[in-house]
Each structure stands twice: as C-alpha cells, then as structure tokens.
Amino acid sequence: MRLYALCDQDMLDAKGISVQEYITLAKEHNAEIIQYRNKNADMEFIKQQLIFIRQIYDGFLIVNDAVELVEYCDGVHLGQEDLLKIDEDIHKAVKLVRSVVTEDKILGISTHNKEEVLQANSLDLNYIGLGAYRATSTKKDITGVLGDSLEEIARESKHLVGAIGGVTLDDEITHVTYNVIGSGLLK
C-alpha cells in the first residue's frame, strides 16, 4: 500500500496530537505524501505550519485549498466546492488554479462519483482523490459512500487515484495508487 497522509489540524487538536507527532507517525508508515489541511486558521498560521512540516518531512507536501501558499510546498488539493467558488465552470476553475499552481507543482482534486472522475479526465491534474470509501467521523458532509464500487470507478480515471474517506491502514484497495489516511493513521 502507498500512503498519502492527511494531516488535518482540527483532527489533531481534537485528539491532542501535535503536527510533529503526526508527521513522525506518517514517516514511520512510509507516507509518500502529506497533505496539510486547516479549514479554520489564517494564512500566516498555515504558512508557518507548512514551513515547519517541510523542516521535518522531505516527502511531497500538499496544502489543502490555500493556493496562495503553493510556494511553501509541492502542490495543492482542492475539493469540488472549492473549485466552484473559483468559477462555476470547473474547467475554467482548474485553468485559473493552474496559472498559480504551475506544472512543476502537484494539483489534485476530490471526486465523489463516476461523473466527476470522467470530468476530471479532461482537466490538467496530477491526481484525484476518490471517495468516500466509507463513512468517517472527520467529515460530516459526506453524501455518498462508495464502498466496493470505488475500485470500479477508479479504473475510469486517467489520473493517479487516492482512495479518500474512512480509509484505514488495513484496507487493501487495489485499483488506487494511494490510500489517503487521516484519523485512521492514529488508531
């Protein structure tokens, strides 16, 4: 299994775990990518966290949503709703994001069904997150759980695929490149 670790600040705060402890755990499990997600802090705090993570982790570092901080990491991940805030036409939104997240940086988006995966095939991306694989306590707004159909849908993608949402270290999902694990890394 290839691991993409999702370092969510709210989750860490709720569990009383420091970023450093989480990064250490991710490294122990050979995480190739770490995404730092913080939906509540200001940009300066997120920037400082990215700088700190970069000091202790030499794999790929992705920031969630904060396109303006891409210079402090290796790329950006955006959800569907975040793209729609940029432009209601997802193709235009990705094109605008790509003007900041240049080809030497990684760009990934979340997808939730076959239609979004097929749409993503026409976008200038490096990977997609696909899910939710199963229900999770860290995301309250999950509208559909893909379960075993995730693998069938993943086969439709021309991009690398990371299984997202409720994934644990014990999961064997064969048609994805990465298992994206957040709180499941802590159990």
N, C-alpha and C. Protein backbone atom coordinates (compact mmCIF):
# COMPACT_ATOMS: atom_id res chain seq x y z
N MET A 1 0.84 -1.18 0.00
CA MET A 1 0.00 0.00 0.00
C MET A 1 0.89 1.25 0.00
N ARG A 2 0.52 2.22 -0.82
CA ARG A 2 1.21 3.51 -0.83
C ARG A 2 0.36 4.48 -0.02
N LEU A 3 1.00 5.23 0.85
CA LEU A 3 0.28 6.06 1.80
C LEU A 3 0.40 7.55 1.50
N TYR A 4 -0.74 8.21 1.50
CA TYR A 4 -0.89 9.67 1.40
C TYR A 4 -1.55 10.05 2.72
N ALA A 5 -0.83 10.70 3.60
CA ALA A 5 -1.34 11.02 4.93
C ALA A 5 -1.99 12.39 4.95
N LEU A 6 -3.21 12.45 5.47
CA LEU A 6 -3.96 13.69 5.57
C LEU A 6 -3.84 14.23 6.98
N CYS A 7 -3.07 15.30 7.11
CA CYS A 7 -2.79 15.92 8.41
C CYS A 7 -3.78 17.07 8.62
N ASP A 8 -4.90 16.77 9.25
CA ASP A 8 -5.98 17.74 9.46
C ASP A 8 -5.83 18.38 10.84
N GLN A 9 -5.64 19.69 10.86
CA GLN A 9 -5.39 20.39 12.13
C GLN A 9 -6.54 20.23 13.12
N ASP A 10 -7.78 20.27 12.67
CA ASP A 10 -8.92 20.09 13.58
C ASP A 10 -8.89 18.72 14.24
N MET A 11 -8.57 17.69 13.44
CA MET A 11 -8.47 16.33 13.96
C MET A 11 -7.35 16.24 15.01
N LEU A 12 -6.19 16.83 14.68
CA LEU A 12 -5.07 16.81 15.62
C LEU A 12 -5.45 17.50 16.92
N ASP A 13 -6.06 18.67 16.81
CA ASP A 13 -6.47 19.42 18.01
C ASP A 13 -7.46 18.62 18.86
N ALA A 14 -8.42 17.97 18.21
CA ALA A 14 -9.43 17.20 18.93
C ALA A 14 -8.81 16.00 19.66
N LYS A 15 -7.77 15.43 19.09
CA LYS A 15 -7.13 14.25 19.67
C LYS A 15 -5.92 14.60 20.54
N GLY A 16 -5.59 15.91 20.62
CA GLY A 16 -4.45 16.32 21.44
C GLY A 16 -3.12 15.86 20.90
N ILE A 17 -2.99 15.83 19.58
CA ILE A 17 -1.76 15.37 18.93
C ILE A 17 -1.11 16.55 18.22
N SER A 18 0.19 16.68 18.34
CA SER A 18 0.90 17.76 17.66
C SER A 18 1.15 17.40 16.21
N VAL A 19 1.38 18.41 15.39
CA VAL A 19 1.76 18.18 14.00
C VAL A 19 3.01 17.32 13.95
N GLN A 20 3.97 17.61 14.80
CA GLN A 20 5.22 16.85 14.80
C GLN A 20 4.95 15.37 15.10
N GLU A 21 4.08 15.08 16.07
CA GLU A 21 3.76 13.68 16.37
C GLU A 21 3.11 12.99 15.17
N TYR A 22 2.21 13.71 14.50
CA TYR A 22 1.54 13.12 13.34
C TYR A 22 2.53 12.86 12.20
N ILE A 23 3.41 13.82 11.95
CA ILE A 23 4.40 13.65 10.87
C ILE A 23 5.32 12.47 11.20
N THR A 24 5.72 12.35 12.44
CA THR A 24 6.56 11.22 12.86
C THR A 24 5.85 9.90 12.58
N LEU A 25 4.57 9.82 12.94
CA LEU A 25 3.79 8.62 12.69
C LEU A 25 3.66 8.34 11.19
N ALA A 26 3.40 9.39 10.41
CA ALA A 26 3.29 9.24 8.96
C ALA A 26 4.61 8.72 8.37
N LYS A 27 5.72 9.25 8.85
CA LYS A 27 7.02 8.79 8.37
C LYS A 27 7.27 7.34 8.76
N GLU A 28 6.85 6.93 9.95
CA GLU A 28 7.01 5.54 10.39
C GLU A 28 6.25 4.58 9.47
N HIS A 29 5.17 5.08 8.87
CA HIS A 29 4.36 4.27 7.95
C HIS A 29 4.73 4.53 6.49
N ASN A 30 5.86 5.21 6.28
CA ASN A 30 6.40 5.47 4.93
C ASN A 30 5.46 6.28 4.05
N ALA A 31 4.81 7.29 4.62
CA ALA A 31 3.95 8.17 3.83
C ALA A 31 4.77 8.86 2.75
N GLU A 32 4.31 8.75 1.51
CA GLU A 32 4.99 9.40 0.39
C GLU A 32 4.53 10.84 0.22
N ILE A 33 3.31 11.10 0.65
CA ILE A 33 2.71 12.43 0.52
C ILE A 33 2.04 12.77 1.84
N ILE A 34 2.17 14.02 2.26
CA ILE A 34 1.39 14.53 3.39
C ILE A 34 0.65 15.77 2.91
N GLN A 35 -0.65 15.76 3.16
CA GLN A 35 -1.47 16.95 2.88
C GLN A 35 -1.79 17.62 4.21
N TYR A 36 -1.47 18.91 4.30
CA TYR A 36 -1.83 19.67 5.48
C TYR A 36 -3.14 20.40 5.21
N ARG A 37 -4.15 20.13 6.06
CA ARG A 37 -5.46 20.76 5.91
C ARG A 37 -5.81 21.50 7.19
N ASN A 38 -6.17 22.78 7.03
CA ASN A 38 -6.61 23.59 8.16
C ASN A 38 -7.68 24.54 7.63
N LYS A 39 -8.92 24.23 7.93
CA LYS A 39 -10.06 25.00 7.41
C LYS A 39 -10.37 26.24 8.25
N ASN A 40 -9.70 26.41 9.40
CA ASN A 40 -10.09 27.47 10.33
C ASN A 40 -9.03 28.53 10.61
N ALA A 41 -7.80 28.29 10.23
CA ALA A 41 -6.72 29.22 10.57
C ALA A 41 -6.52 30.27 9.49
N ASP A 42 -5.81 31.33 9.86
CA ASP A 42 -5.46 32.34 8.86
C ASP A 42 -4.25 31.85 8.06
N MET A 43 -4.00 32.50 6.94
CA MET A 43 -2.93 32.09 6.02
C MET A 43 -1.55 32.10 6.68
N GLU A 44 -1.30 33.04 7.56
CA GLU A 44 0.02 33.10 8.21
C GLU A 44 0.27 31.86 9.06
N PHE A 45 -0.74 31.41 9.79
CA PHE A 45 -0.59 30.20 10.61
C PHE A 45 -0.34 28.99 9.72
N ILE A 46 -1.13 28.86 8.64
CA ILE A 46 -0.96 27.73 7.72
C ILE A 46 0.44 27.77 7.10
N LYS A 47 0.88 28.94 6.71
CA LYS A 47 2.22 29.10 6.15
C LYS A 47 3.28 28.62 7.14
N GLN A 48 3.16 29.01 8.38
CA GLN A 48 4.14 28.59 9.40
C GLN A 48 4.12 27.08 9.60
N GLN A 49 2.93 26.48 9.55
CA GLN A 49 2.84 25.03 9.68
C GLN A 49 3.51 24.34 8.49
N LEU A 50 3.31 24.86 7.29
CA LEU A 50 3.95 24.28 6.11
C LEU A 50 5.47 24.37 6.22
N ILE A 51 5.96 25.50 6.66
CA ILE A 51 7.41 25.68 6.83
C ILE A 51 7.94 24.68 7.85
N PHE A 52 7.21 24.52 8.95
CA PHE A 52 7.62 23.57 9.99
C PHE A 52 7.61 22.13 9.46
N ILE A 53 6.54 21.75 8.78
CA ILE A 53 6.46 20.39 8.24
C ILE A 53 7.60 20.14 7.26
N ARG A 54 7.89 21.11 6.43
CA ARG A 54 8.98 20.97 5.45
C ARG A 54 10.31 20.71 6.16
N GLN A 55 10.50 21.28 7.35
CA GLN A 55 11.74 21.08 8.09
C GLN A 55 11.89 19.65 8.60
N ILE A 56 10.76 18.96 8.85
CA ILE A 56 10.84 17.62 9.45
C ILE A 56 10.40 16.51 8.50
N TYR A 57 9.99 16.86 7.29
CA TYR A 57 9.50 15.86 6.34
C TYR A 57 10.01 16.20 4.95
N ASP A 58 10.61 15.22 4.28
CA ASP A 58 11.18 15.51 2.97
C ASP A 58 10.44 14.85 1.81
N GLY A 59 9.26 14.28 2.08
CA GLY A 59 8.43 13.75 1.01
C GLY A 59 7.61 14.88 0.37
N PHE A 60 6.63 14.50 -0.42
CA PHE A 60 5.77 15.50 -1.05
C PHE A 60 4.83 16.11 -0.03
N LEU A 61 4.77 17.44 -0.01
CA LEU A 61 3.90 18.18 0.91
C LEU A 61 2.87 18.94 0.09
N ILE A 62 1.59 18.67 0.38
CA ILE A 62 0.46 19.29 -0.32
C ILE A 62 -0.30 20.13 0.69
N VAL A 63 -0.80 21.27 0.26
CA VAL A 63 -1.66 22.09 1.12
C VAL A 63 -3.08 21.99 0.59
N ASN A 64 -4.03 21.94 1.50
CA ASN A 64 -5.44 21.91 1.14
C ASN A 64 -5.95 23.33 0.96
N ASP A 65 -6.50 23.61 -0.19
CA ASP A 65 -7.20 24.87 -0.50
C ASP A 65 -6.33 26.10 -0.69
N ALA A 66 -5.29 26.27 0.07
CA ALA A 66 -4.53 27.53 0.13
C ALA A 66 -3.60 27.68 -1.08
N VAL A 67 -4.20 27.92 -2.23
CA VAL A 67 -3.45 28.07 -3.48
C VAL A 67 -2.35 29.11 -3.33
N GLU A 68 -2.65 30.17 -2.59
CA GLU A 68 -1.70 31.27 -2.43
C GLU A 68 -0.44 30.88 -1.65
N LEU A 69 -0.44 29.68 -1.04
CA LEU A 69 0.73 29.23 -0.28
C LEU A 69 1.51 28.12 -1.00
N VAL A 70 1.24 27.92 -2.27
CA VAL A 70 1.86 26.83 -3.01
C VAL A 70 3.39 26.92 -3.02
N GLU A 71 3.95 28.11 -2.90
CA GLU A 71 5.41 28.23 -2.90
C GLU A 71 6.07 27.57 -1.70
N TYR A 72 5.29 27.26 -0.66
CA TYR A 72 5.83 26.66 0.55
C TYR A 72 5.70 25.14 0.57
N CYS A 73 5.21 24.58 -0.54
CA CYS A 73 5.01 23.14 -0.59
C CYS A 73 5.10 22.65 -2.04
N ASP A 74 4.72 21.41 -2.25
CA ASP A 74 4.85 20.80 -3.57
C ASP A 74 3.56 20.84 -4.38
N GLY A 75 2.47 21.28 -3.78
CA GLY A 75 1.23 21.31 -4.53
C GLY A 75 0.03 21.65 -3.69
N VAL A 76 -1.15 21.57 -4.35
CA VAL A 76 -2.42 21.98 -3.74
C VAL A 76 -3.47 20.92 -4.04
N HIS A 77 -4.33 20.71 -3.06
CA HIS A 77 -5.51 19.86 -3.25
C HIS A 77 -6.76 20.70 -3.01
N LEU A 78 -7.73 20.55 -3.91
CA LEU A 78 -8.99 21.30 -3.82
C LEU A 78 -10.18 20.35 -3.88
N GLY A 79 -11.20 20.68 -3.11
CA GLY A 79 -12.45 19.95 -3.20
C GLY A 79 -13.31 20.52 -4.32
N GLN A 80 -14.34 19.78 -4.70
CA GLN A 80 -15.26 20.24 -5.74
C GLN A 80 -15.87 21.60 -5.39
N GLU A 81 -16.30 21.76 -4.15
CA GLU A 81 -16.93 23.02 -3.74
C GLU A 81 -15.94 24.18 -3.76
N ASP A 82 -14.68 23.90 -3.51
CA ASP A 82 -13.65 24.94 -3.55
C ASP A 82 -13.40 25.38 -4.99
N LEU A 83 -13.42 24.43 -5.92
CA LEU A 83 -13.28 24.78 -7.33
C LEU A 83 -14.45 25.64 -7.80
N LEU A 84 -15.65 25.27 -7.37
CA LEU A 84 -16.84 26.03 -7.78
C LEU A 84 -16.85 27.45 -7.22
N LYS A 85 -16.16 27.69 -6.11
CA LYS A 85 -16.02 29.06 -5.58
C LYS A 85 -15.13 29.90 -6.49
N ILE A 86 -14.21 29.25 -7.18
CA ILE A 86 -13.31 29.95 -8.09
C ILE A 86 -14.05 30.29 -9.38
N ASP A 87 -14.78 29.32 -9.93
CA ASP A 87 -15.59 29.54 -11.13
C ASP A 87 -16.62 28.42 -11.19
N GLU A 88 -17.83 28.73 -11.61
CA GLU A 88 -18.86 27.68 -11.67
C GLU A 88 -18.59 26.68 -12.79
N ASP A 89 -17.71 27.01 -13.71
CA ASP A 89 -17.23 26.08 -14.73
C ASP A 89 -15.93 25.48 -14.22
N ILE A 90 -15.96 24.20 -13.91
CA ILE A 90 -14.80 23.55 -13.29
C ILE A 90 -13.58 23.59 -14.19
N HIS A 91 -13.77 23.55 -15.51
CA HIS A 91 -12.63 23.64 -16.43
C HIS A 91 -11.94 24.99 -16.31
N LYS A 92 -12.73 26.05 -16.23
CA LYS A 92 -12.16 27.39 -16.04
C LYS A 92 -11.49 27.51 -14.68
N ALA A 93 -12.11 26.93 -13.67
CA ALA A 93 -11.54 26.99 -12.32
C ALA A 93 -10.16 26.34 -12.29
N VAL A 94 -10.05 25.15 -12.88
CA VAL A 94 -8.75 24.45 -12.88
C VAL A 94 -7.73 25.23 -13.69
N LYS A 95 -8.17 25.80 -14.79
CA LYS A 95 -7.25 26.61 -15.61
C LYS A 95 -6.72 27.80 -14.81
N LEU A 96 -7.59 28.46 -14.05
CA LEU A 96 -7.16 29.58 -13.20
C LEU A 96 -6.20 29.11 -12.11
N VAL A 97 -6.53 27.99 -11.48
CA VAL A 97 -5.65 27.45 -10.44
C VAL A 97 -4.30 27.08 -11.04
N ARG A 98 -4.31 26.48 -12.23
CA ARG A 98 -3.06 26.08 -12.88
C ARG A 98 -2.19 27.28 -13.24
N SER A 99 -2.77 28.46 -13.33
CA SER A 99 -1.94 29.64 -13.59
C SER A 99 -1.09 30.00 -12.37
N VAL A 100 -1.49 29.49 -11.21
CA VAL A 100 -0.72 29.71 -9.97
C VAL A 100 0.04 28.44 -9.58
N VAL A 101 -0.63 27.31 -9.66
CA VAL A 101 -0.03 26.02 -9.36
C VAL A 101 0.55 25.50 -10.68
N THR A 102 1.75 25.93 -10.97
CA THR A 102 2.39 25.67 -12.26
C THR A 102 2.71 24.19 -12.44
N GLU A 103 3.11 23.82 -13.64
CA GLU A 103 3.36 22.42 -13.99
C GLU A 103 4.41 21.75 -13.12
N ASP A 104 5.28 22.52 -12.48
CA ASP A 104 6.28 21.92 -11.60
C ASP A 104 5.71 21.61 -10.22
N LYS A 105 4.44 21.91 -10.02
CA LYS A 105 3.75 21.64 -8.75
C LYS A 105 2.63 20.62 -9.00
N ILE A 106 2.20 19.98 -7.94
CA ILE A 106 1.17 18.95 -7.98
C ILE A 106 -0.20 19.61 -7.77
N LEU A 107 -1.17 19.20 -8.58
CA LEU A 107 -2.54 19.66 -8.41
C LEU A 107 -3.46 18.45 -8.36
N GLY A 108 -4.24 18.37 -7.29
CA GLY A 108 -5.21 17.29 -7.14
C GLY A 108 -6.55 17.84 -6.71
N ILE A 109 -7.60 17.10 -7.05
CA ILE A 109 -8.95 17.48 -6.64
C ILE A 109 -9.68 16.26 -6.08
N SER A 110 -10.71 16.52 -5.31
CA SER A 110 -11.58 15.45 -4.81
C SER A 110 -12.65 15.13 -5.84
N THR A 111 -12.97 13.85 -5.93
CA THR A 111 -14.08 13.40 -6.76
C THR A 111 -14.90 12.42 -5.93
N HIS A 112 -16.17 12.29 -6.28
CA HIS A 112 -17.08 11.50 -5.44
C HIS A 112 -17.90 10.47 -6.19
N ASN A 113 -17.81 10.49 -7.53
CA ASN A 113 -18.61 9.57 -8.33
C ASN A 113 -18.00 9.45 -9.72
N LYS A 114 -18.57 8.55 -10.52
CA LYS A 114 -18.04 8.29 -11.86
C LYS A 114 -18.09 9.55 -12.73
N GLU A 115 -19.14 10.34 -12.63
CA GLU A 115 -19.27 11.54 -13.46
C GLU A 115 -18.14 12.53 -13.17
N GLU A 116 -17.83 12.74 -11.91
CA GLU A 116 -16.75 13.66 -11.56
C GLU A 116 -15.39 13.11 -11.99
N VAL A 117 -15.21 11.80 -11.92
CA VAL A 117 -13.96 11.19 -12.38
C VAL A 117 -13.80 11.40 -13.88
N LEU A 118 -14.86 11.16 -14.63
CA LEU A 118 -14.80 11.35 -16.08
C LEU A 118 -14.54 12.80 -16.43
N GLN A 119 -15.16 13.72 -15.70
CA GLN A 119 -14.90 15.14 -15.92
C GLN A 119 -13.45 15.48 -15.61
N ALA A 120 -12.91 14.91 -14.53
CA ALA A 120 -11.52 15.16 -14.15
C ALA A 120 -10.54 14.68 -15.21
N ASN A 121 -10.94 13.67 -16.00
CA ASN A 121 -10.06 13.16 -17.06
C ASN A 121 -9.70 14.23 -18.07
N SER A 122 -10.54 15.25 -18.21
CA SER A 122 -10.27 16.32 -19.17
C SER A 122 -9.58 17.53 -18.53
N LEU A 123 -9.21 17.41 -17.26
CA LEU A 123 -8.59 18.52 -16.54
C LEU A 123 -7.08 18.31 -16.39
N ASP A 124 -6.35 19.40 -16.28
CA ASP A 124 -4.90 19.38 -16.12
C ASP A 124 -4.56 19.14 -14.64
N LEU A 125 -4.58 17.87 -14.26
CA LEU A 125 -4.37 17.47 -12.87
C LEU A 125 -3.24 16.45 -12.80
N ASN A 126 -2.74 16.26 -11.58
CA ASN A 126 -1.77 15.20 -11.34
C ASN A 126 -2.42 13.98 -10.70
N TYR A 127 -3.50 14.20 -9.93
CA TYR A 127 -4.18 13.08 -9.27
C TYR A 127 -5.59 13.51 -8.88
N ILE A 128 -6.39 12.49 -8.53
CA ILE A 128 -7.69 12.75 -7.92
C ILE A 128 -7.79 11.98 -6.62
N GLY A 129 -8.53 12.53 -5.69
CA GLY A 129 -8.96 11.79 -4.52
C GLY A 129 -10.36 11.29 -4.84
N LEU A 130 -10.66 10.03 -4.56
CA LEU A 130 -11.96 9.44 -4.88
C LEU A 130 -12.57 8.85 -3.63
N GLY A 131 -13.79 9.25 -3.33
CA GLY A 131 -14.47 8.70 -2.16
C GLY A 131 -15.68 9.52 -1.80
N ALA A 132 -16.25 9.15 -0.75
CA ALA A 132 -15.69 8.48 0.40
C ALA A 132 -15.78 6.96 0.24
N TYR A 133 -14.71 6.30 0.68
CA TYR A 133 -14.66 4.85 0.67
C TYR A 133 -15.66 4.30 1.68
N ARG A 134 -15.65 4.87 2.88
CA ARG A 134 -16.63 4.52 3.91
C ARG A 134 -16.92 5.77 4.74
N ALA A 135 -17.92 5.71 5.57
CA ALA A 135 -18.27 6.84 6.43
C ALA A 135 -17.12 7.13 7.38
N THR A 136 -16.97 8.41 7.73
CA THR A 136 -15.90 8.82 8.63
C THR A 136 -16.42 9.90 9.57
N SER A 137 -15.87 9.94 10.75
CA SER A 137 -16.31 10.95 11.73
C SER A 137 -15.67 12.31 11.48
N THR A 138 -14.65 12.38 10.63
CA THR A 138 -13.96 13.66 10.42
C THR A 138 -14.63 14.53 9.36
N LYS A 139 -15.52 13.96 8.58
CA LYS A 139 -16.24 14.74 7.56
C LYS A 139 -17.73 14.51 7.77
N LYS A 140 -18.43 15.57 8.11
CA LYS A 140 -19.86 15.46 8.40
C LYS A 140 -20.73 15.57 7.16
N ASP A 141 -20.17 16.08 6.05
CA ASP A 141 -20.97 16.38 4.87
C ASP A 141 -20.87 15.34 3.76
N ILE A 142 -20.53 14.11 4.10
CA ILE A 142 -20.43 13.05 3.09
C ILE A 142 -21.83 12.70 2.60
N THR A 143 -22.02 12.78 1.28
CA THR A 143 -23.33 12.49 0.71
C THR A 143 -23.44 11.07 0.18
N GLY A 144 -22.35 10.45 -0.15
CA GLY A 144 -22.39 9.09 -0.67
C GLY A 144 -21.15 8.33 -0.31
N VAL A 145 -21.33 7.08 0.09
CA VAL A 145 -20.21 6.21 0.40
C VAL A 145 -20.08 5.21 -0.73
N LEU A 146 -18.88 5.12 -1.32
CA LEU A 146 -18.67 4.28 -2.49
C LEU A 146 -18.41 2.82 -2.17
N GLY A 147 -17.80 2.55 -1.02
CA GLY A 147 -17.51 1.17 -0.66
C GLY A 147 -16.76 0.44 -1.76
N ASP A 148 -17.20 -0.78 -2.06
CA ASP A 148 -16.52 -1.60 -3.06
C ASP A 148 -16.61 -1.05 -4.47
N SER A 149 -17.58 -0.17 -4.75
CA SER A 149 -17.67 0.41 -6.10
C SER A 149 -16.54 1.41 -6.36
N LEU A 150 -15.80 1.81 -5.32
CA LEU A 150 -14.69 2.75 -5.51
C LEU A 150 -13.67 2.20 -6.50
N GLU A 151 -13.36 0.92 -6.40
CA GLU A 151 -12.36 0.34 -7.30
C GLU A 151 -12.82 0.37 -8.75
N GLU A 152 -14.07 0.05 -9.01
CA GLU A 152 -14.61 0.08 -10.37
C GLU A 152 -14.55 1.50 -10.93
N ILE A 153 -14.93 2.49 -10.12
CA ILE A 153 -14.90 3.88 -10.56
C ILE A 153 -13.46 4.34 -10.77
N ALA A 154 -12.55 3.91 -9.91
CA ALA A 154 -11.14 4.30 -10.03
C ALA A 154 -10.55 3.87 -11.37
N ARG A 155 -11.00 2.76 -11.89
CA ARG A 155 -10.50 2.28 -13.19
C ARG A 155 -10.81 3.25 -14.32
N GLU A 156 -11.79 4.12 -14.13
CA GLU A 156 -12.18 5.09 -15.17
C GLU A 156 -11.24 6.29 -15.25
N SER A 157 -10.39 6.47 -14.24
CA SER A 157 -9.54 7.66 -14.18
C SER A 157 -8.27 7.51 -14.99
N LYS A 158 -7.91 8.57 -15.70
CA LYS A 158 -6.62 8.60 -16.38
C LYS A 158 -5.53 9.14 -15.45
N HIS A 159 -5.93 9.70 -14.33
CA HIS A 159 -5.00 10.25 -13.34
C HIS A 159 -4.71 9.22 -12.25
N LEU A 160 -3.65 9.46 -11.49
CA LEU A 160 -3.42 8.69 -10.28
C LEU A 160 -4.62 8.88 -9.37
N VAL A 161 -4.98 7.86 -8.60
CA VAL A 161 -6.16 7.91 -7.74
C VAL A 161 -5.76 7.62 -6.31
N GLY A 162 -6.25 8.46 -5.40
CA GLY A 162 -6.12 8.21 -3.98
C GLY A 162 -7.50 7.93 -3.41
N ALA A 163 -7.64 6.82 -2.70
CA ALA A 163 -8.91 6.50 -2.03
C ALA A 163 -9.03 7.38 -0.80
N ILE A 164 -10.14 8.13 -0.68
CA ILE A 164 -10.33 9.05 0.44
C ILE A 164 -11.57 8.68 1.25
N GLY A 165 -11.59 9.12 2.48
CA GLY A 165 -12.77 9.00 3.32
C GLY A 165 -12.89 7.66 4.02
N GLY A 166 -12.50 7.62 5.29
CA GLY A 166 -12.69 6.42 6.09
C GLY A 166 -11.72 5.29 5.79
N VAL A 167 -10.64 5.58 5.09
CA VAL A 167 -9.65 4.57 4.75
C VAL A 167 -8.76 4.32 5.96
N THR A 168 -8.41 3.06 6.19
CA THR A 168 -7.52 2.71 7.30
C THR A 168 -6.29 1.98 6.77
N LEU A 169 -5.33 1.77 7.63
CA LEU A 169 -4.11 1.06 7.25
C LEU A 169 -4.38 -0.38 6.86
N ASP A 170 -5.48 -0.95 7.30
CA ASP A 170 -5.81 -2.34 6.99
C ASP A 170 -6.49 -2.53 5.65
N ASP A 171 -6.89 -1.45 5.00
CA ASP A 171 -7.62 -1.56 3.74
C ASP A 171 -6.69 -1.96 2.60
N GLU A 172 -7.18 -2.85 1.76
CA GLU A 172 -6.47 -3.27 0.55
C GLU A 172 -7.34 -2.85 -0.63
N ILE A 173 -7.05 -1.70 -1.18
CA ILE A 173 -7.81 -1.18 -2.32
C ILE A 173 -6.86 -1.23 -3.50
N THR A 174 -7.07 -2.16 -4.40
CA THR A 174 -6.06 -2.47 -5.40
C THR A 174 -6.01 -1.53 -6.59
N HIS A 175 -7.09 -0.89 -6.96
CA HIS A 175 -7.09 -0.06 -8.16
C HIS A 175 -6.88 1.42 -7.86
N VAL A 176 -6.21 1.70 -6.77
CA VAL A 176 -5.85 3.07 -6.44
C VAL A 176 -4.35 3.14 -6.25
N THR A 177 -3.80 4.32 -6.45
CA THR A 177 -2.37 4.50 -6.27
C THR A 177 -2.02 4.72 -4.81
N TYR A 178 -2.87 5.51 -4.11
CA TYR A 178 -2.62 5.86 -2.72
C TYR A 178 -3.85 5.62 -1.87
N ASN A 179 -3.63 5.14 -0.66
CA ASN A 179 -4.66 5.16 0.36
C ASN A 179 -4.45 6.45 1.14
N VAL A 180 -5.45 7.32 1.12
CA VAL A 180 -5.36 8.60 1.82
C VAL A 180 -5.93 8.38 3.22
N ILE A 181 -5.07 8.49 4.20
CA ILE A 181 -5.46 8.16 5.57
C ILE A 181 -5.20 9.36 6.48
N GLY A 182 -6.22 9.76 7.19
CA GLY A 182 -6.12 10.84 8.18
C GLY A 182 -6.17 10.27 9.57
N SER A 183 -7.37 10.26 10.17
CA SER A 183 -7.51 9.77 11.52
C SER A 183 -7.23 8.27 11.62
N GLY A 184 -7.41 7.54 10.52
CA GLY A 184 -7.12 6.11 10.53
C GLY A 184 -5.66 5.80 10.80
N LEU A 185 -4.80 6.76 10.63
CA LEU A 185 -3.38 6.58 10.91
C LEU A 185 -3.13 6.58 12.42
N LEU A 186 -4.06 7.15 13.17
CA LEU A 186 -3.88 7.29 14.61
C LEU A 186 -4.38 6.10 15.41
N LYS A 187 -5.03 5.16 14.78
CA LYS A 187 -5.63 4.03 15.51
C LYS A 187 -4.68 2.87 15.59
